[in-house]
């Protein structure tokens, strides 16, 4: 997949996953990589920014499989921005799909 496409949708994907359940960073990478490949190095700067902007909060939880994990949880502000981003995304993709299908889609 085109890297610019990935950069454009990664925030929306992360917020959508966190809307369903709290996750730690590596878990987010694995979930997203089921749809398209990303690296761990991509996700952590984004999570840091989302936390600074107040869209996610974090907490630590013991793991039975290794060290303590930092979980990310969607905040109320995060739920609001997710709702806005989803609306923008569906409007955007509808417009792009109409363009890609050609002139018959305008009739």
Foldseek 3Di string as FASTA:
>chain_A
DDPVVCVVCVLLLQLVVLVVHKDFQVVSQVVVVVVPHDDSVVRVVVLVVCVVVVQWDWDWDCDPVDGITIIIHGDPVVVVVSVVVVVVVVVVVVVVVLVVVDDVSVD
